[in-house]
Amino acid sequence: MSIAIAVTPHHEVAGHFGKAAGFVVYDEQGQQIAELINQGRKEVGCKHKKQLQAQLAEHNVKTLLLGNVGQRSLARLLRAGFSVFRVPNRTAVQDVLNGSVSREPLLTAEQGRPCKREKGGCGCGCGSKKTVKPAKIGMMTKGNANLQGLTKIGGVKL
């Protein structure tokens, strides 16, 4: 069983799971056993977060310490059996390992940050429903056209 800490490039606790520069993995005795680099930290979307979770699982990580995490990522981590704790952002990793900072257990997805995806801010399309725009006169369509919003054709009511 291992512990992973989300870190910045300066090896301080990162402010967010998906945007962390990497994760430092420690064994039960506090010895560093791996350092994972977050290749997708500047990407929009969720694919890299799922890859991070898989990498953490490969290193037998059961406890994850971070500054913050989105609700959907937190839900995914909790379902996978990770114990997730929030610690103050920008805290030195050594202080976290020594236990000199408080750890807040994150037990439900609602304890994470609200997802921007609900507003369509994520950009990756997962989790957001796209509305179909009504057809307009002269509009080229592929497949079925949505004619619900169409009420007049050339001044003639339908």
C-alpha atoms as a PDB file:
ATOM      1  CA  MET A   1       0.000   0.000   0.000  1.00  0.00           C
ATOM      2  CA  SER A   2       1.394   3.393  -1.054  1.00  0.00           C
ATOM      3  CA  ILE A   3       0.655   7.077  -0.544  1.00  0.00           C
ATOM      4  CA  ALA A   4       0.726   9.620  -3.379  1.00  0.00           C
ATOM      5  CA  ILE A   5       0.953  13.386  -3.050  1.00  0.00           C
ATOM      6  CA  ALA A   6      -0.087  15.698  -5.913  1.00  0.00           C
ATOM      7  CA  VAL A   7       2.800  18.149  -6.357  1.00  0.00           C
ATOM      8  CA  THR A   8       3.771  21.364  -8.151  1.00  0.00           C
ATOM      9  CA  PRO A   9       7.069  21.655 -10.070  1.00  0.00           C
ATOM     10  CA  HIS A  10       8.572  22.971  -6.783  1.00  0.00           C
ATOM     11  CA  HIS A  11       7.474  19.849  -4.852  1.00  0.00           C
ATOM     12  CA  GLU A  12       4.742  21.569  -2.893  1.00  0.00           C
ATOM     13  CA  VAL A  13       1.190  20.251  -2.623  1.00  0.00           C
ATOM     14  CA  ALA A  14      -0.600  21.023  -5.881  1.00  0.00           C
ATOM     15  CA  GLY A  15      -3.814  22.992  -5.826  1.00  0.00           C
ATOM     16  CA  HIS A  16      -5.757  20.565  -8.011  1.00  0.00           C
ATOM     17  CA  PHE A  17      -5.643  16.872  -8.940  1.00  0.00           C
ATOM     18  CA  GLY A  18      -5.866  17.199 -12.723  1.00  0.00           C
ATOM     19  CA  LYS A  19      -3.500  20.162 -12.966  1.00  0.00           C
ATOM     20  CA  ALA A  20      -0.753  18.816 -10.695  1.00  0.00           C
ATOM     21  CA  ALA A  21       2.711  18.683 -12.272  1.00  0.00           C
ATOM     22  CA  GLY A  22       3.023  15.147 -10.961  1.00  0.00           C
ATOM     23  CA  PHE A  23       2.554  12.745  -8.091  1.00  0.00           C
ATOM     24  CA  VAL A  24       5.228  11.559  -5.703  1.00  0.00           C
ATOM     25  CA  VAL A  25       4.580   8.025  -4.436  1.00  0.00           C
ATOM     26  CA  TYR A  26       5.816   6.904  -1.001  1.00  0.00           C
ATOM     27  CA  ASP A  27       5.718   3.577   0.810  1.00  0.00           C
ATOM     28  CA  GLU A  28       4.425   3.151   4.391  1.00  0.00           C
ATOM     29  CA  GLN A  29       7.829   4.118   5.834  1.00  0.00           C
ATOM     30  CA  GLY A  30       7.885   7.419   3.928  1.00  0.00           C
ATOM     31  CA  GLN A  31      10.483   6.334   1.353  1.00  0.00           C
ATOM     32  CA  GLN A  32       9.934   7.680  -2.143  1.00  0.00           C
ATOM     33  CA  ILE A  33       9.334   4.822  -4.558  1.00  0.00           C
ATOM     34  CA  ALA A  34       8.171   6.659  -7.700  1.00  0.00           C
ATOM     35  CA  GLU A  35       7.462  10.017  -9.258  1.00  0.00           C
ATOM     36  CA  LEU A  36       4.723  10.205 -11.860  1.00  0.00           C
ATOM     37  CA  ILE A  37       4.631  13.113 -14.304  1.00  0.00           C
ATOM     38  CA  ASN A  38       1.224  14.439 -15.318  1.00  0.00           C
ATOM     39  CA  GLN A  39       1.698  14.668 -19.079  1.00  0.00           C
ATOM     40  CA  GLY A  40      -1.833  15.961 -19.650  1.00  0.00           C
ATOM     41  CA  ARG A  41      -1.999  18.674 -17.016  1.00  0.00           C
ATOM     42  CA  LYS A  42      -2.562  21.412 -19.595  1.00  0.00           C
ATOM     43  CA  GLU A  43      -5.100  19.412 -21.593  1.00  0.00           C
ATOM     44  CA  VAL A  44      -8.788  20.150 -21.574  1.00  0.00           C
ATOM     45  CA  GLY A  45     -10.970  17.202 -20.736  1.00  0.00           C
ATOM     46  CA  CYS A  46     -10.953  14.113 -18.624  1.00  0.00           C
ATOM     47  CA  LYS A  47      -8.909  11.479 -20.439  1.00  0.00           C
ATOM     48  CA  HIS A  48      -5.634  12.331 -18.688  1.00  0.00           C
ATOM     49  CA  LYS A  49      -7.321  12.179 -15.262  1.00  0.00           C
ATOM     50  CA  LYS A  50      -8.412   8.614 -15.930  1.00  0.00           C
ATOM     51  CA  GLN A  51      -4.859   7.796 -17.021  1.00  0.00           C
ATOM     52  CA  LEU A  52      -3.509   9.302 -13.781  1.00  0.00           C
ATOM     53  CA  GLN A  53      -5.865   7.130 -11.783  1.00  0.00           C
ATOM     54  CA  ALA A  54      -4.643   4.037 -13.638  1.00  0.00           C
ATOM     55  CA  GLN A  55      -0.979   4.972 -13.019  1.00  0.00           C
ATOM     56  CA  LEU A  56      -1.653   5.487  -9.321  1.00  0.00           C
ATOM     57  CA  ALA A  57      -3.383   2.104  -9.122  1.00  0.00           C
ATOM     58  CA  GLU A  58      -0.390   0.462 -10.866  1.00  0.00           C
ATOM     59  CA  HIS A  59       1.826   1.720  -8.022  1.00  0.00           C
ATOM     60  CA  ASN A  60      -0.600   0.266  -5.455  1.00  0.00           C
ATOM     61  CA  VAL A  61      -1.557   3.735  -4.187  1.00  0.00           C
ATOM     62  CA  LYS A  62      -4.422   3.594  -1.701  1.00  0.00           C
ATOM     63  CA  THR A  63      -4.116   7.069  -0.148  1.00  0.00           C
ATOM     64  CA  LEU A  64      -4.044  10.283  -2.155  1.00  0.00           C
ATOM     65  CA  LEU A  65      -3.167  13.697  -0.693  1.00  0.00           C
ATOM     66  CA  LEU A  66      -3.948  16.829  -2.692  1.00  0.00           C
ATOM     67  CA  GLY A  67      -5.019  20.445  -2.484  1.00  0.00           C
ATOM     68  CA  ASN A  68      -8.330  20.047  -4.269  1.00  0.00           C
ATOM     69  CA  VAL A  69     -10.188  17.906  -6.778  1.00  0.00           C
ATOM     70  CA  GLY A  70     -13.303  18.206  -8.926  1.00  0.00           C
ATOM     71  CA  GLN A  71     -16.480  16.400  -7.956  1.00  0.00           C
ATOM     72  CA  ARG A  72     -16.428  13.950 -10.865  1.00  0.00           C
ATOM     73  CA  SER A  73     -12.768  13.058 -10.419  1.00  0.00           C
ATOM     74  CA  LEU A  74     -13.308  12.646  -6.675  1.00  0.00           C
ATOM     75  CA  ALA A  75     -16.310  10.379  -7.280  1.00  0.00           C
ATOM     76  CA  ARG A  76     -14.231   8.260  -9.685  1.00  0.00           C
ATOM     77  CA  LEU A  77     -11.347   8.011  -7.179  1.00  0.00           C
ATOM     78  CA  LEU A  78     -13.655   7.075  -4.294  1.00  0.00           C
ATOM     79  CA  ARG A  79     -15.432   4.404  -6.396  1.00  0.00           C
ATOM     80  CA  ALA A  80     -12.012   2.937  -7.247  1.00  0.00           C
ATOM     81  CA  GLY A  81     -11.227   2.539  -3.536  1.00  0.00           C
ATOM     82  CA  PHE A  82      -8.802   5.431  -2.996  1.00  0.00           C
ATOM     83  CA  SER A  83      -8.753   7.270   0.337  1.00  0.00           C
ATOM     84  CA  VAL A  84      -8.539  10.951  -0.598  1.00  0.00           C
ATOM     85  CA  PHE A  85      -7.439  13.733   1.750  1.00  0.00           C
ATOM     86  CA  ARG A  86      -7.293  17.483   1.254  1.00  0.00           C
ATOM     87  CA  VAL A  87      -4.252  19.285   2.664  1.00  0.00           C
ATOM     88  CA  PRO A  88      -3.369  22.991   2.381  1.00  0.00           C
ATOM     89  CA  ASN A  89      -2.125  24.071  -1.058  1.00  0.00           C
ATOM     90  CA  ARG A  90       1.570  24.889  -1.446  1.00  0.00           C
ATOM     91  CA  THR A  91       2.512  22.980   1.701  1.00  0.00           C
ATOM     92  CA  ALA A  92       5.978  21.419   1.611  1.00  0.00           C
ATOM     93  CA  VAL A  93       5.812  17.683   0.922  1.00  0.00           C
ATOM     94  CA  GLN A  94       8.034  16.978   3.937  1.00  0.00           C
ATOM     95  CA  ASP A  95       5.520  18.722   6.235  1.00  0.00           C
ATOM     96  CA  VAL A  96       2.755  16.520   4.840  1.00  0.00           C
ATOM     97  CA  LEU A  97       4.837  13.371   5.403  1.00  0.00           C
ATOM     98  CA  ASN A  98       5.716  14.456   8.965  1.00  0.00           C
ATOM     99  CA  GLY A  99       2.035  14.885   9.754  1.00  0.00           C
ATOM    100  CA  SER A 100       2.474  18.525  10.765  1.00  0.00           C
ATOM    101  CA  VAL A 101      -0.449  19.666   8.574  1.00  0.00           C
ATOM    102  CA  SER A 102      -4.113  18.785   8.915  1.00  0.00           C
ATOM    103  CA  ARG A 103      -5.693  16.249   6.572  1.00  0.00           C
ATOM    104  CA  GLU A 104      -9.353  16.608   5.698  1.00  0.00           C
ATOM    105  CA  PRO A 105     -10.858  13.313   4.547  1.00  0.00           C
ATOM    106  CA  LEU A 106     -12.925  13.615   1.374  1.00  0.00           C
ATOM    107  CA  LEU A 107     -15.638  11.001   1.696  1.00  0.00           C
ATOM    108  CA  THR A 108     -18.257  12.137  -0.811  1.00  0.00           C
ATOM    109  CA  ALA A 109     -18.060  13.659  -4.289  1.00  0.00           C
ATOM    110  CA  GLU A 110     -19.862  16.785  -3.080  1.00  0.00           C
ATOM    111  CA  GLN A 111     -16.758  17.714  -1.073  1.00  0.00           C
ATOM    112  CA  GLY A 112     -14.894  18.333  -4.341  1.00  0.00           C
ATOM    113  CA  ARG A 113     -15.042  21.461  -6.462  1.00  0.00           C
ATOM    114  CA  PRO A 114     -18.143  21.809  -8.619  1.00  0.00           C
ATOM    115  CA  CYS A 115     -17.341  20.734 -12.165  1.00  0.00           C
ATOM    116  CA  LYS A 116     -17.153  23.370 -14.875  1.00  0.00           C
ATOM    117  CA  ARG A 117     -18.444  20.728 -17.271  1.00  0.00           C
ATOM    118  CA  GLU A 118     -21.979  21.304 -16.058  1.00  0.00           C
ATOM    119  CA  LYS A 119     -21.763  24.730 -17.673  1.00  0.00           C
ATOM    120  CA  GLY A 120     -19.984  23.406 -20.756  1.00  0.00           C
ATOM    121  CA  GLY A 121     -16.700  25.006 -19.678  1.00  0.00           C
ATOM    122  CA  CYS A 122     -14.690  21.796 -19.914  1.00  0.00           C
ATOM    123  CA  GLY A 123     -14.788  21.652 -23.688  1.00  0.00           C
ATOM    124  CA  CYS A 124     -14.362  17.904 -23.935  1.00  0.00           C
ATOM    125  CA  GLY A 125     -18.070  17.181 -24.255  1.00  0.00           C
ATOM    126  CA  CYS A 126     -18.304  14.573 -21.517  1.00  0.00           C
ATOM    127  CA  GLY A 127     -21.032  15.244 -19.017  1.00  0.00           C
ATOM    128  CA  SER A 128     -22.639  18.087 -20.949  1.00  0.00           C
ATOM    129  CA  LYS A 129     -25.731  17.725 -23.079  1.00  0.00           C
ATOM    130  CA  LYS A 130     -25.764  19.649 -26.314  1.00  0.00           C
ATOM    131  CA  THR A 131     -29.031  21.135 -27.463  1.00  0.00           C
ATOM    132  CA  VAL A 132     -30.074  20.783 -31.066  1.00  0.00           C
ATOM    133  CA  LYS A 133     -30.576  24.149 -32.736  1.00  0.00           C
ATOM    134  CA  PRO A 134     -33.795  24.554 -34.709  1.00  0.00           C
ATOM    135  CA  ALA A 135     -33.573  24.490 -38.501  1.00  0.00           C
ATOM    136  CA  LYS A 136     -33.650  27.730 -40.480  1.00  0.00           C
ATOM    137  CA  ILE A 137     -34.716  28.355 -44.045  1.00  0.00           C
ATOM    138  CA  GLY A 138     -31.878  27.632 -46.450  1.00  0.00           C
ATOM    139  CA  MET A 139     -29.945  25.687 -43.820  1.00  0.00           C
ATOM    140  CA  MET A 140     -28.160  22.561 -45.027  1.00  0.00           C
ATOM    141  CA  THR A 141     -28.636  19.622 -42.692  1.00  0.00           C
ATOM    142  CA  LYS A 142     -27.117  16.196 -42.292  1.00  0.00           C
ATOM    143  CA  GLY A 143     -29.571  13.484 -41.427  1.00  0.00           C
ATOM    144  CA  ASN A 144     -32.759  14.476 -39.609  1.00  0.00           C
ATOM    145  CA  ALA A 145     -33.563  18.179 -39.327  1.00  0.00           C
ATOM    146  CA  ASN A 146     -35.152  19.561 -36.187  1.00  0.00           C
ATOM    147  CA  LEU A 147     -38.142  21.536 -37.457  1.00  0.00           C
ATOM    148  CA  GLN A 148     -39.738  22.196 -34.059  1.00  0.00           C
ATOM    149  CA  GLY A 149     -38.624  25.845 -33.910  1.00  0.00           C
ATOM    150  CA  LEU A 150     -39.778  26.532 -37.483  1.00  0.00           C
ATOM    151  CA  THR A 151     -43.083  28.433 -37.451  1.00  0.00           C
ATOM    152  CA  LYS A 152     -43.139  30.345 -40.749  1.00  0.00           C
ATOM    153  CA  ILE A 153     -41.959  29.762 -44.286  1.00  0.00           C
ATOM    154  CA  GLY A 154     -41.942  32.934 -46.382  1.00  0.00           C
ATOM    155  CA  GLY A 155     -44.582  34.583 -44.193  1.00  0.00           C
ATOM    156  CA  VAL A 156     -46.897  31.563 -44.292  1.00  0.00           C
ATOM    157  CA  LYS A 157     -47.654  30.082 -40.881  1.00  0.00           C
ATOM    158  CA  LEU A 158     -47.216  26.355 -40.511  1.00  0.00           C
END
